[in-house]
Amino acid sequence: MTANHGRPAPGAAHDDTAATTEDTPVRDEAAARGPSQDAARGASAQDDTVAAVVRQWRAVHPDLDTAPMEIIGRINRCAALLQQAEDAPLRRAGLSRAEFDLLGALRRTGHELTPGELARETFSSGAAVTKRLKQLTERGLVERRGDTRDRRVAHVRLTDAGRELVDGILPEQLAYERTVLAGLDGAGRGELAVLLCELLSRLEGRPGALRI
C-alpha cells in the first residue's frame, strides 16, 4: 500500500491557477456536509489512542508543543495497523514484506532488473537484496541470468510462479485498502492524498524541500 505498490512519482511544479480550480469542489462538498459531520469527526479524533497519549504528555510536559504528535503519531499508528493487516496474506504465502516488495518491483516495472536496480526500487541495501534474491530463487519465484557482456552483472526476472503469486496477493491488499478508505468521501480521500504527498515530498528531500 502501499508504498509497496509503487514508488512515489517525482513531484511536479505547482500550478496556482489549477490548484485554485481543483480546490473549489472540495470546499463546496465540505460545506454541503454541514457542521454536524465535521463536528462528529472532530469528536472522534479526540477519542483515539493517539489523543490519549497526547493528553498524557501534555500533563507531564505542559510547556512542550505536542501538536506534531497529533499528526505524526496518527500516521505512525495507521501505518502499523495497515501493515499488520496487509502482511497477513504475505505470511500465508510464506513471504516477508521485503521479499514481496522485490517481487512487486519486478512485476510493476515489467522487465528484468539488476540487483542494484532492485535495491533502488525497494529502498534496500545491496546486501539485503542479495540475501532475499537467494531465498526467492530457491523457491522458484525469480530467476537470474548473467549479462552476456559483463559476467559481474546479473539480471533478475519473475518466474511464472512469482508472477502468479504477486497477482494473487495484490487484489486482496487493494480490497482491504478500499474497505479502510470507504469511510472517507471522495473529497476527503483526495485532500488526504494531497497532504500526504506534500509531507512525503518534504521527507524525501526533493529539490526545494525540507532536508532532514
C-alpha atoms as a PDB file:
ATOM      1  CA  MET A   1       0.000   0.000   0.000  1.00  0.00           C
ATOM      2  CA  THR A   2       1.027   0.975  -0.187  1.00  0.00           C
ATOM      3  CA  ALA A   3       4.477   2.314  -0.947  1.00  0.00           C
ATOM      4  CA  ASN A   4       4.554  -1.182  -1.537  1.00  0.00           C
ATOM      5  CA  HIS A   5       2.502  -0.894  -4.695  1.00  0.00           C
ATOM      6  CA  GLY A   6       4.861   1.519  -6.407  1.00  0.00           C
ATOM      7  CA  ARG A   7       7.376   4.245  -5.877  1.00  0.00           C
ATOM      8  CA  PRO A   8       6.119   7.814  -5.480  1.00  0.00           C
ATOM      9  CA  ALA A   9       6.179   9.758  -8.714  1.00  0.00           C
ATOM     10  CA  PRO A  10       8.559  12.708  -8.917  1.00  0.00           C
ATOM     11  CA  GLY A  11       6.997  15.933  -7.644  1.00  0.00           C
ATOM     12  CA  ALA A  12       5.531  18.238 -10.226  1.00  0.00           C
ATOM     13  CA  ALA A  13       5.683  22.006 -10.213  1.00  0.00           C
ATOM     14  CA  HIS A  14       2.705  23.689  -8.549  1.00  0.00           C
ATOM     15  CA  ASP A  15       0.211  25.480 -10.758  1.00  0.00           C
ATOM     16  CA  ASP A  16      -1.565  28.050  -8.559  1.00  0.00           C
ATOM     17  CA  THR A  17      -4.353  28.542 -11.071  1.00  0.00           C
ATOM     18  CA  ALA A  18      -5.056  24.819 -11.402  1.00  0.00           C
ATOM     19  CA  ALA A  19      -4.896  24.345  -7.661  1.00  0.00           C
ATOM     20  CA  THR A  20      -7.489  27.064  -7.100  1.00  0.00           C
ATOM     21  CA  THR A  21      -9.831  25.491  -9.629  1.00  0.00           C
ATOM     22  CA  GLU A  22      -9.440  21.995  -8.253  1.00  0.00           C
ATOM     23  CA  ASP A  23      -9.860  23.068  -4.626  1.00  0.00           C
ATOM     24  CA  THR A  24     -13.275  24.622  -5.252  1.00  0.00           C
ATOM     25  CA  PRO A  25     -15.254  21.317  -5.370  1.00  0.00           C
ATOM     26  CA  VAL A  26     -13.531  20.222  -2.177  1.00  0.00           C
ATOM     27  CA  ARG A  27     -14.675  23.366  -0.352  1.00  0.00           C
ATOM     28  CA  ASP A  28     -18.184  23.091  -1.778  1.00  0.00           C
ATOM     29  CA  GLU A  29     -18.505  19.464  -0.731  1.00  0.00           C
ATOM     30  CA  ALA A  30     -17.177  20.253   2.723  1.00  0.00           C
ATOM     31  CA  ALA A  31     -19.812  22.984   3.044  1.00  0.00           C
ATOM     32  CA  ALA A  32     -22.516  20.588   1.854  1.00  0.00           C
ATOM     33  CA  ARG A  33     -21.608  18.131   4.595  1.00  0.00           C
ATOM     34  CA  GLY A  34     -22.574  20.719   7.156  1.00  0.00           C
ATOM     35  CA  PRO A  35     -21.176  21.315  10.642  1.00  0.00           C
ATOM     36  CA  SER A  36     -22.676  18.162  12.159  1.00  0.00           C
ATOM     37  CA  GLN A  37     -20.458  15.746  10.202  1.00  0.00           C
ATOM     38  CA  ASP A  38     -17.338  17.851  10.761  1.00  0.00           C
ATOM     39  CA  ALA A  39     -18.119  18.075  14.469  1.00  0.00           C
ATOM     40  CA  ALA A  40     -18.543  14.304  14.646  1.00  0.00           C
ATOM     41  CA  ARG A  41     -15.179  13.808  13.004  1.00  0.00           C
ATOM     42  CA  GLY A  42     -13.598  16.241  15.430  1.00  0.00           C
ATOM     43  CA  ALA A  43     -15.100  14.439  18.385  1.00  0.00           C
ATOM     44  CA  SER A  44     -13.911  11.035  17.191  1.00  0.00           C
ATOM     45  CA  ALA A  45     -10.411  12.422  16.704  1.00  0.00           C
ATOM     46  CA  GLN A  46     -10.309  13.209  20.418  1.00  0.00           C
ATOM     47  CA  ASP A  47     -11.149   9.630  21.382  1.00  0.00           C
ATOM     48  CA  ASP A  48      -8.461   7.647  19.593  1.00  0.00           C
ATOM     49  CA  THR A  49      -5.355   6.153  21.178  1.00  0.00           C
ATOM     50  CA  VAL A  50      -3.083   8.945  19.994  1.00  0.00           C
ATOM     51  CA  ALA A  51      -5.283  11.584  21.633  1.00  0.00           C
ATOM     52  CA  ALA A  52      -4.886   9.791  24.955  1.00  0.00           C
ATOM     53  CA  VAL A  53      -1.106   9.722  24.562  1.00  0.00           C
ATOM     54  CA  VAL A  54      -1.025  13.425  23.700  1.00  0.00           C
ATOM     55  CA  ARG A  55      -3.099  14.295  26.772  1.00  0.00           C
ATOM     56  CA  GLN A  56      -0.700  12.323  28.968  1.00  0.00           C
ATOM     57  CA  TRP A  57       2.348  14.111  27.550  1.00  0.00           C
ATOM     58  CA  ARG A  58       0.672  17.483  27.999  1.00  0.00           C
ATOM     59  CA  ALA A  59       0.102  16.652  31.656  1.00  0.00           C
ATOM     60  CA  VAL A  60       3.756  15.672  32.104  1.00  0.00           C
ATOM     61  CA  HIS A  61       5.223  18.490  29.979  1.00  0.00           C
ATOM     62  CA  PRO A  62       2.682  21.327  29.736  1.00  0.00           C
ATOM     63  CA  ASP A  63       5.465  23.579  28.433  1.00  0.00           C
ATOM     64  CA  LEU A  64       6.016  21.461  25.281  1.00  0.00           C
ATOM     65  CA  ASP A  65       4.156  21.862  21.989  1.00  0.00           C
ATOM     66  CA  THR A  66       2.706  18.390  21.412  1.00  0.00           C
ATOM     67  CA  ALA A  67       0.753  19.358  18.281  1.00  0.00           C
ATOM     68  CA  PRO A  68       3.094  17.418  15.935  1.00  0.00           C
ATOM     69  CA  MET A  69       2.217  14.222  17.820  1.00  0.00           C
ATOM     70  CA  GLU A  70      -1.397  14.592  16.743  1.00  0.00           C
ATOM     71  CA  ILE A  71      -0.345  14.200  13.103  1.00  0.00           C
ATOM     72  CA  ILE A  72       2.842  12.128  13.126  1.00  0.00           C
ATOM     73  CA  GLY A  73       1.540   9.860  15.869  1.00  0.00           C
ATOM     74  CA  ARG A  74      -1.600   9.081  13.873  1.00  0.00           C
ATOM     75  CA  ILE A  75       0.395   8.483  10.685  1.00  0.00           C
ATOM     76  CA  ASN A  76       2.636   6.026  12.546  1.00  0.00           C
ATOM     77  CA  ARG A  77      -0.325   4.292  14.198  1.00  0.00           C
ATOM     78  CA  CYS A  78      -2.229   3.984  10.906  1.00  0.00           C
ATOM     79  CA  ALA A  79       0.882   2.628   9.159  1.00  0.00           C
ATOM     80  CA  ALA A  80       1.396  -0.009  11.856  1.00  0.00           C
ATOM     81  CA  LEU A  81      -2.222  -1.183  11.737  1.00  0.00           C
ATOM     82  CA  LEU A  82      -2.335  -1.213   7.938  1.00  0.00           C
ATOM     83  CA  GLN A  83       0.877  -3.170   7.616  1.00  0.00           C
ATOM     84  CA  GLN A  84      -0.237  -5.681  10.236  1.00  0.00           C
ATOM     85  CA  ALA A  85      -3.396  -6.401   8.251  1.00  0.00           C
ATOM     86  CA  GLU A  86      -1.765  -6.342   4.824  1.00  0.00           C
ATOM     87  CA  ASP A  87       1.044  -8.646   5.913  1.00  0.00           C
ATOM     88  CA  ALA A  88      -1.462 -11.419   6.719  1.00  0.00           C
ATOM     89  CA  PRO A  89      -1.697 -12.715   3.111  1.00  0.00           C
ATOM     90  CA  LEU A  90       2.086 -12.471   2.850  1.00  0.00           C
ATOM     91  CA  ARG A  91       2.549 -14.667   5.898  1.00  0.00           C
ATOM     92  CA  ARG A  92       0.151 -17.213   4.432  1.00  0.00           C
ATOM     93  CA  ALA A  93       2.306 -17.269   1.297  1.00  0.00           C
ATOM     94  CA  GLY A  94       5.480 -17.607   3.354  1.00  0.00           C
ATOM     95  CA  LEU A  95       6.764 -14.184   2.297  1.00  0.00           C
ATOM     96  CA  SER A  96       8.187 -11.279   4.229  1.00  0.00           C
ATOM     97  CA  ARG A  97       7.201  -7.717   3.370  1.00  0.00           C
ATOM     98  CA  ALA A  98      10.690  -7.070   1.974  1.00  0.00           C
ATOM     99  CA  GLU A  99      10.514 -10.146  -0.270  1.00  0.00           C
ATOM    100  CA  PHE A 100       7.113  -9.125  -1.606  1.00  0.00           C
ATOM    101  CA  ASP A 101       8.466  -5.652  -2.351  1.00  0.00           C
ATOM    102  CA  LEU A 102      11.139  -7.230  -4.554  1.00  0.00           C
ATOM    103  CA  LEU A 103       8.592  -9.345  -6.395  1.00  0.00           C
ATOM    104  CA  GLY A 104       6.312  -6.334  -6.732  1.00  0.00           C
ATOM    105  CA  ALA A 105       9.105  -4.206  -8.194  1.00  0.00           C
ATOM    106  CA  LEU A 106       9.752  -6.810 -10.872  1.00  0.00           C
ATOM    107  CA  ARG A 107       6.039  -7.121 -11.630  1.00  0.00           C
ATOM    108  CA  ARG A 108       5.206  -3.422 -11.866  1.00  0.00           C
ATOM    109  CA  THR A 109       8.250  -2.451 -13.927  1.00  0.00           C
ATOM    110  CA  GLY A 110       7.504  -5.299 -16.320  1.00  0.00           C
ATOM    111  CA  HIS A 111      11.098  -6.129 -17.209  1.00  0.00           C
ATOM    112  CA  GLU A 112      14.297  -7.574 -15.836  1.00  0.00           C
ATOM    113  CA  LEU A 113      16.181  -5.619 -13.187  1.00  0.00           C
ATOM    114  CA  THR A 114      19.690  -5.900 -11.830  1.00  0.00           C
ATOM    115  CA  PRO A 115      20.184  -6.345  -8.069  1.00  0.00           C
ATOM    116  CA  GLY A 116      21.362  -2.733  -7.911  1.00  0.00           C
ATOM    117  CA  GLU A 117      18.204  -1.510  -9.606  1.00  0.00           C
ATOM    118  CA  LEU A 118      16.099  -3.610  -7.237  1.00  0.00           C
ATOM    119  CA  ALA A 119      17.908  -2.064  -4.281  1.00  0.00           C
ATOM    120  CA  ARG A 120      16.966   1.413  -5.525  1.00  0.00           C
ATOM    121  CA  GLU A 121      13.375   0.408  -6.311  1.00  0.00           C
ATOM    122  CA  THR A 122      12.834  -1.041  -2.832  1.00  0.00           C
ATOM    123  CA  PHE A 123      14.994   1.381  -0.827  1.00  0.00           C
ATOM    124  CA  SER A 124      17.140  -1.520   0.402  1.00  0.00           C
ATOM    125  CA  SER A 125      20.848  -2.199   0.766  1.00  0.00           C
ATOM    126  CA  GLY A 126      22.642  -4.295  -1.828  1.00  0.00           C
ATOM    127  CA  ALA A 127      23.487  -6.964   0.749  1.00  0.00           C
ATOM    128  CA  ALA A 128      19.854  -7.276   1.833  1.00  0.00           C
ATOM    129  CA  VAL A 129      18.672  -7.598  -1.779  1.00  0.00           C
ATOM    130  CA  THR A 130      21.270 -10.294  -2.491  1.00  0.00           C
ATOM    131  CA  LYS A 131      20.084 -12.329   0.501  1.00  0.00           C
ATOM    132  CA  ARG A 132      16.411 -12.004  -0.452  1.00  0.00           C
ATOM    133  CA  LEU A 133      17.054 -12.884  -4.069  1.00  0.00           C
ATOM    134  CA  LYS A 134      18.831 -16.059  -2.992  1.00  0.00           C
ATOM    135  CA  GLN A 135      15.771 -17.121  -0.977  1.00  0.00           C
ATOM    136  CA  LEU A 136      13.320 -16.216  -3.743  1.00  0.00           C
ATOM    137  CA  THR A 137      15.422 -18.034  -6.333  1.00  0.00           C
ATOM    138  CA  GLU A 138      15.476 -21.177  -4.202  1.00  0.00           C
ATOM    139  CA  ARG A 139      11.675 -21.018  -4.039  1.00  0.00           C
ATOM    140  CA  GLY A 140      11.408 -20.702  -7.809  1.00  0.00           C
ATOM    141  CA  LEU A 141       9.805 -17.246  -7.706  1.00  0.00           C
ATOM    142  CA  VAL A 142      12.601 -15.420  -9.527  1.00  0.00           C
ATOM    143  CA  GLU A 143      15.410 -16.446 -11.819  1.00  0.00           C
ATOM    144  CA  ARG A 144      18.744 -14.850 -12.622  1.00  0.00           C
ATOM    145  CA  ARG A 145      20.773 -14.772 -15.799  1.00  0.00           C
ATOM    146  CA  GLY A 146      24.247 -13.440 -16.381  1.00  0.00           C
ATOM    147  CA  ASP A 147      24.949 -10.483 -18.596  1.00  0.00           C
ATOM    148  CA  THR A 148      26.424 -11.519 -21.932  1.00  0.00           C
ATOM    149  CA  ARG A 149      28.878  -8.605 -21.901  1.00  0.00           C
ATOM    150  CA  ASP A 150      29.765  -8.403 -18.197  1.00  0.00           C
ATOM    151  CA  ARG A 151      29.798 -11.541 -16.070  1.00  0.00           C
ATOM    152  CA  ARG A 152      29.728  -9.453 -12.905  1.00  0.00           C
ATOM    153  CA  VAL A 153      26.218  -8.233 -13.744  1.00  0.00           C
ATOM    154  CA  ALA A 154      23.098 -10.321 -13.160  1.00  0.00           C
ATOM    155  CA  HIS A 155      19.598  -9.746 -14.476  1.00  0.00           C
ATOM    156  CA  VAL A 156      16.603 -10.844 -12.402  1.00  0.00           C
ATOM    157  CA  ARG A 157      13.108 -11.623 -13.628  1.00  0.00           C
ATOM    158  CA  LEU A 158       9.940 -13.183 -12.255  1.00  0.00           C
ATOM    159  CA  THR A 159       9.109 -16.770 -12.998  1.00  0.00           C
ATOM    160  CA  ASP A 160       5.532 -17.719 -13.874  1.00  0.00           C
ATOM    161  CA  ALA A 161       5.077 -18.831 -10.258  1.00  0.00           C
ATOM    162  CA  GLY A 162       6.338 -15.488  -8.973  1.00  0.00           C
ATOM    163  CA  ARG A 163       4.032 -13.554 -11.267  1.00  0.00           C
ATOM    164  CA  GLU A 164       1.015 -15.620 -10.230  1.00  0.00           C
ATOM    165  CA  LEU A 165       1.847 -15.115  -6.564  1.00  0.00           C
ATOM    166  CA  VAL A 166       2.021 -11.324  -6.870  1.00  0.00           C
ATOM    167  CA  ASP A 167      -1.139 -11.184  -8.976  1.00  0.00           C
ATOM    168  CA  GLY A 168      -2.950 -13.254  -6.365  1.00  0.00           C
ATOM    169  CA  ILE A 169      -1.916 -11.196  -3.337  1.00  0.00           C
ATOM    170  CA  LEU A 170      -2.217  -7.658  -4.706  1.00  0.00           C
ATOM    171  CA  PRO A 171      -6.012  -7.672  -5.292  1.00  0.00           C
ATOM    172  CA  GLU A 172      -6.551  -8.852  -1.721  1.00  0.00           C
ATOM    173  CA  GLN A 173      -4.463  -5.985  -0.383  1.00  0.00           C
ATOM    174  CA  LEU A 174      -6.234  -3.428  -2.561  1.00  0.00           C
ATOM    175  CA  ALA A 175      -9.638  -4.717  -1.475  1.00  0.00           C
ATOM    176  CA  TYR A 176      -8.660  -4.230   2.159  1.00  0.00           C
ATOM    177  CA  GLU A 177      -7.416  -0.699   1.436  1.00  0.00           C
ATOM    178  CA  ARG A 178     -10.678   0.185  -0.299  1.00  0.00           C
ATOM    179  CA  THR A 179     -12.578  -1.009   2.759  1.00  0.00           C
ATOM    180  CA  VAL A 180     -10.420   1.103   5.058  1.00  0.00           C
ATOM    181  CA  LEU A 181     -10.943   4.231   2.946  1.00  0.00           C
ATOM    182  CA  ALA A 182     -14.661   3.652   2.408  1.00  0.00           C
ATOM    183  CA  GLY A 183     -15.425   5.783   5.459  1.00  0.00           C
ATOM    184  CA  LEU A 184     -13.985   8.851   3.716  1.00  0.00           C
ATOM    185  CA  ASP A 185     -15.858  10.651   0.962  1.00  0.00           C
ATOM    186  CA  GLY A 186     -14.190  11.343  -2.366  1.00  0.00           C
ATOM    187  CA  ALA A 187     -13.187  14.878  -1.398  1.00  0.00           C
ATOM    188  CA  GLY A 188     -11.714  13.677   1.877  1.00  0.00           C
ATOM    189  CA  ARG A 189      -9.635  10.991   0.164  1.00  0.00           C
ATOM    190  CA  GLY A 190      -8.375  13.465  -2.409  1.00  0.00           C
ATOM    191  CA  GLU A 191      -7.438  16.034   0.215  1.00  0.00           C
ATOM    192  CA  LEU A 192      -5.686  13.418   2.339  1.00  0.00           C
ATOM    193  CA  ALA A 193      -3.711  12.145  -0.661  1.00  0.00           C
ATOM    194  CA  VAL A 194      -2.524  15.679  -1.489  1.00  0.00           C
ATOM    195  CA  LEU A 195      -1.463  16.418   2.087  1.00  0.00           C
ATOM    196  CA  LEU A 196       0.400  13.126   2.433  1.00  0.00           C
ATOM    197  CA  CYS A 197       2.093  13.716  -0.915  1.00  0.00           C
ATOM    198  CA  GLU A 198       3.322  17.119   0.257  1.00  0.00           C
ATOM    199  CA  LEU A 199       4.647  15.655   3.505  1.00  0.00           C
ATOM    200  CA  LEU A 200       6.346  12.766   1.719  1.00  0.00           C
ATOM    201  CA  SER A 201       7.984  15.169  -0.730  1.00  0.00           C
ATOM    202  CA  ARG A 202       9.497  17.102   2.160  1.00  0.00           C
ATOM    203  CA  LEU A 203      10.727  13.971   3.905  1.00  0.00           C
ATOM    204  CA  GLU A 204      12.256  12.575   0.714  1.00  0.00           C
ATOM    205  CA  GLY A 205      14.272  15.728   0.316  1.00  0.00           C
ATOM    206  CA  ARG A 206      13.252  16.680  -3.190  1.00  0.00           C
ATOM    207  CA  PRO A 207      14.618  19.944  -4.655  1.00  0.00           C
ATOM    208  CA  GLY A 208      13.364  22.822  -2.573  1.00  0.00           C
ATOM    209  CA  ALA A 209      12.051  20.503   0.141  1.00  0.00           C
ATOM    210  CA  LEU A 210      12.923  20.155   3.800  1.00  0.00           C
ATOM    211  CA  ARG A 211      16.247  18.407   4.432  1.00  0.00           C
ATOM    212  CA  ILE A 212      16.469  16.070   7.425  1.00  0.00           C
END
